[in-house]
N, C-alpha and C. Protein backbone atom coordinates (compact mmCIF):
# COMPACT_ATOMS: atom_id res chain seq x y z
N UNK A 1 -33.96 -1.64 -82.44
CA UNK A 1 -32.87 -2.70 -82.55
C UNK A 1 -32.48 -2.81 -80.92
N UNK A 2 -32.99 -1.89 -80.15
CA UNK A 2 -32.55 -2.48 -78.21
C UNK A 2 -33.34 -3.42 -77.69
N UNK A 3 -34.80 -3.40 -78.39
CA UNK A 3 -35.14 -5.29 -77.97
C UNK A 3 -34.13 -6.05 -78.22
N UNK A 4 -33.67 -5.85 -79.61
CA UNK A 4 -32.90 -7.24 -79.81
C UNK A 4 -31.83 -7.03 -79.52
N UNK A 5 -31.18 -6.21 -78.54
CA UNK A 5 -29.94 -6.09 -77.54
C UNK A 5 -30.45 -6.74 -76.10
N UNK A 6 -31.31 -6.43 -75.61
CA UNK A 6 -31.99 -6.61 -74.40
C UNK A 6 -32.51 -8.28 -74.63
N UNK A 7 -33.02 -8.72 -75.71
CA UNK A 7 -32.95 -10.22 -75.77
C UNK A 7 -31.78 -10.75 -76.16
N UNK A 8 -30.72 -10.21 -76.45
CA UNK A 8 -29.42 -10.83 -76.44
C UNK A 8 -29.07 -10.60 -74.95
N UNK A 9 -29.02 -9.32 -74.93
CA UNK A 9 -28.03 -9.68 -73.37
C UNK A 9 -28.72 -10.81 -71.84
N UNK A 10 -30.25 -11.01 -72.03
CA UNK A 10 -30.85 -11.80 -71.26
C UNK A 10 -30.36 -13.35 -71.77
N UNK A 11 -30.25 -13.23 -72.90
CA UNK A 11 -29.98 -14.86 -73.40
C UNK A 11 -28.72 -14.88 -72.78
N UNK A 12 -27.52 -14.51 -73.46
CA UNK A 12 -26.63 -14.86 -72.88
C UNK A 12 -26.04 -14.31 -70.98
N UNK A 13 -26.69 -13.81 -70.81
CA UNK A 13 -27.05 -14.06 -69.17
C UNK A 13 -27.22 -15.09 -68.37
N UNK A 14 -27.91 -15.76 -69.38
CA UNK A 14 -29.29 -16.90 -68.64
C UNK A 14 -27.94 -17.93 -69.18
N UNK A 15 -27.64 -18.28 -69.97
CA UNK A 15 -26.47 -18.90 -70.55
C UNK A 15 -25.25 -19.12 -69.66
N UNK A 16 -24.78 -17.56 -69.52
CA UNK A 16 -23.92 -17.97 -68.40
C UNK A 16 -23.99 -17.92 -66.87
N UNK A 17 -25.22 -18.15 -66.19
CA UNK A 17 -25.61 -18.36 -64.83
C UNK A 17 -26.04 -19.84 -65.14
N UNK A 18 -26.55 -20.00 -65.99
CA UNK A 18 -26.52 -21.60 -65.81
C UNK A 18 -25.70 -22.87 -66.09
N UNK A 19 -24.66 -22.01 -66.43
CA UNK A 19 -23.45 -23.13 -66.69
C UNK A 19 -22.47 -22.71 -65.51
N UNK A 20 -22.48 -22.08 -64.81
CA UNK A 20 -21.76 -21.64 -63.30
C UNK A 20 -23.05 -22.63 -62.61
N UNK A 21 -23.76 -22.74 -62.30
CA UNK A 21 -24.54 -23.86 -61.13
C UNK A 21 -24.22 -25.41 -61.00
N UNK A 22 -24.02 -25.65 -60.10
CA UNK A 22 -23.76 -26.88 -59.63
C UNK A 22 -24.35 -28.01 -59.92
N UNK A 23 -24.18 -29.10 -60.46
CA UNK A 23 -25.33 -30.45 -60.93
C UNK A 23 -25.14 -31.22 -59.56
N UNK A 24 -25.92 -31.64 -58.69
CA UNK A 24 -26.08 -32.46 -58.02
C UNK A 24 -26.56 -33.85 -58.59
N UNK A 25 -25.61 -34.45 -59.41
CA UNK A 25 -25.94 -35.74 -59.71
C UNK A 25 -24.86 -36.87 -59.02
N UNK A 26 -25.74 -38.08 -58.58
CA UNK A 26 -25.49 -39.47 -58.33
C UNK A 26 -25.76 -40.46 -58.83
N UNK A 27 -24.65 -41.14 -59.56
CA UNK A 27 -25.10 -42.17 -60.01
C UNK A 27 -25.65 -43.56 -59.52
N UNK A 28 -26.59 -44.13 -59.58
CA UNK A 28 -27.49 -44.73 -59.40
C UNK A 28 -27.39 -46.38 -60.50
N UNK A 29 -27.43 -47.87 -59.35
CA UNK A 29 -27.35 -48.59 -60.53
C UNK A 29 -28.32 -49.35 -60.06
N UNK A 30 -29.55 -50.17 -60.50
CA UNK A 30 -30.64 -50.78 -59.71
C UNK A 30 -31.13 -52.07 -61.17
N UNK A 31 -30.20 -52.95 -60.66
CA UNK A 31 -30.29 -54.45 -61.52
C UNK A 31 -31.26 -54.84 -61.02
N UNK A 32 -31.94 -56.14 -61.20
CA UNK A 32 -33.02 -57.06 -60.79
C UNK A 32 -31.98 -58.48 -61.73
N UNK A 33 -33.10 -59.49 -60.82
CA UNK A 33 -32.06 -60.79 -61.40
C UNK A 33 -32.09 -60.91 -62.63
N UNK A 34 -31.20 -61.76 -63.32
CA UNK A 34 -31.05 -62.12 -64.48
C UNK A 34 -32.37 -63.03 -64.54
N UNK A 35 -32.51 -63.03 -65.63
CA UNK A 35 -33.89 -64.39 -66.07
C UNK A 35 -32.98 -65.38 -66.94
N UNK A 36 -32.19 -65.22 -67.22
CA UNK A 36 -31.02 -66.29 -67.36
C UNK A 36 -29.87 -66.51 -66.94
N UNK A 37 -29.50 -67.65 -66.70
CA UNK A 37 -28.45 -68.35 -65.96
C UNK A 37 -27.29 -68.33 -67.07
N UNK A 38 -25.89 -68.00 -66.82
CA UNK A 38 -24.81 -68.11 -67.53
C UNK A 38 -24.07 -69.46 -66.58
N UNK A 39 -23.81 -70.72 -67.55
CA UNK A 39 -23.20 -71.50 -66.96
C UNK A 39 -21.58 -70.88 -66.77
N UNK A 40 -20.95 -71.26 -65.54
CA UNK A 40 -19.97 -70.68 -65.83
C UNK A 40 -18.95 -71.48 -64.48
N UNK A 41 -17.48 -71.63 -64.73
CA UNK A 41 -16.69 -72.86 -64.07
C UNK A 41 -15.45 -71.28 -63.54
N UNK A 42 -15.20 -71.96 -62.13
CA UNK A 42 -14.05 -70.91 -61.34
C UNK A 42 -13.12 -71.58 -61.13
N UNK A 43 -11.89 -71.34 -60.98
CA UNK A 43 -10.70 -71.94 -60.62
C UNK A 43 -9.99 -70.88 -59.54
N UNK A 44 -10.07 -71.83 -57.92
CA UNK A 44 -9.26 -70.62 -57.18
C UNK A 44 -8.04 -71.03 -56.85
N UNK A 45 -6.79 -69.96 -56.88
CA UNK A 45 -5.84 -70.71 -56.47
C UNK A 45 -5.02 -69.90 -55.56
N UNK A 46 -4.36 -70.17 -54.61
CA UNK A 46 -3.36 -69.52 -53.85
C UNK A 46 -2.54 -69.16 -54.36
N UNK A 47 -1.84 -67.82 -53.95
CA UNK A 47 -0.41 -67.70 -54.39
C UNK A 47 0.28 -67.71 -53.50
N UNK A 48 1.83 -67.54 -53.47
CA UNK A 48 2.62 -67.56 -52.82
C UNK A 48 3.73 -66.19 -53.07
N UNK A 49 3.76 -65.26 -52.18
CA UNK A 49 3.99 -63.43 -52.02
C UNK A 49 6.15 -63.72 -52.30
N UNK A 50 6.46 -63.87 -53.92
CA UNK A 50 7.78 -63.72 -53.93
C UNK A 50 8.20 -62.97 -54.28
N UNK A 51 7.59 -61.72 -54.25
CA UNK A 51 8.19 -60.28 -54.21
C UNK A 51 9.39 -59.85 -53.65
N UNK A 52 10.30 -59.26 -53.58
CA UNK A 52 11.15 -58.67 -53.37
C UNK A 52 10.82 -58.29 -52.12
N UNK A 53 11.83 -58.53 -50.98
CA UNK A 53 11.85 -57.65 -49.41
C UNK A 53 11.89 -56.09 -49.33
N UNK A 54 12.40 -55.24 -50.22
CA UNK A 54 12.47 -54.11 -50.10
C UNK A 54 11.19 -53.72 -50.80
N UNK A 55 10.15 -54.36 -51.56
CA UNK A 55 9.02 -54.06 -51.98
C UNK A 55 8.01 -54.29 -51.13
N UNK A 56 8.31 -54.98 -50.14
CA UNK A 56 7.13 -55.53 -48.73
C UNK A 56 6.78 -53.83 -47.42
N UNK A 57 7.61 -53.41 -48.11
CA UNK A 57 7.25 -52.22 -47.26
C UNK A 57 6.22 -51.92 -47.04
N UNK A 58 5.58 -50.66 -46.07
CA UNK A 58 4.33 -49.86 -46.66
C UNK A 58 4.34 -48.28 -46.84
């Protein structure tokens, strides 16, 4: 019976300590050039700011 308690205590302790450790995760993205070209067209237009003067404050 004591062996089970020691095992259970060790298991619970390991789980608690493992949950409290910090994980250093840095997401990264590395994509190579695409082998397929996508035909696309774009249109660029300039816009005039017609918002009210009180909305233009910093």
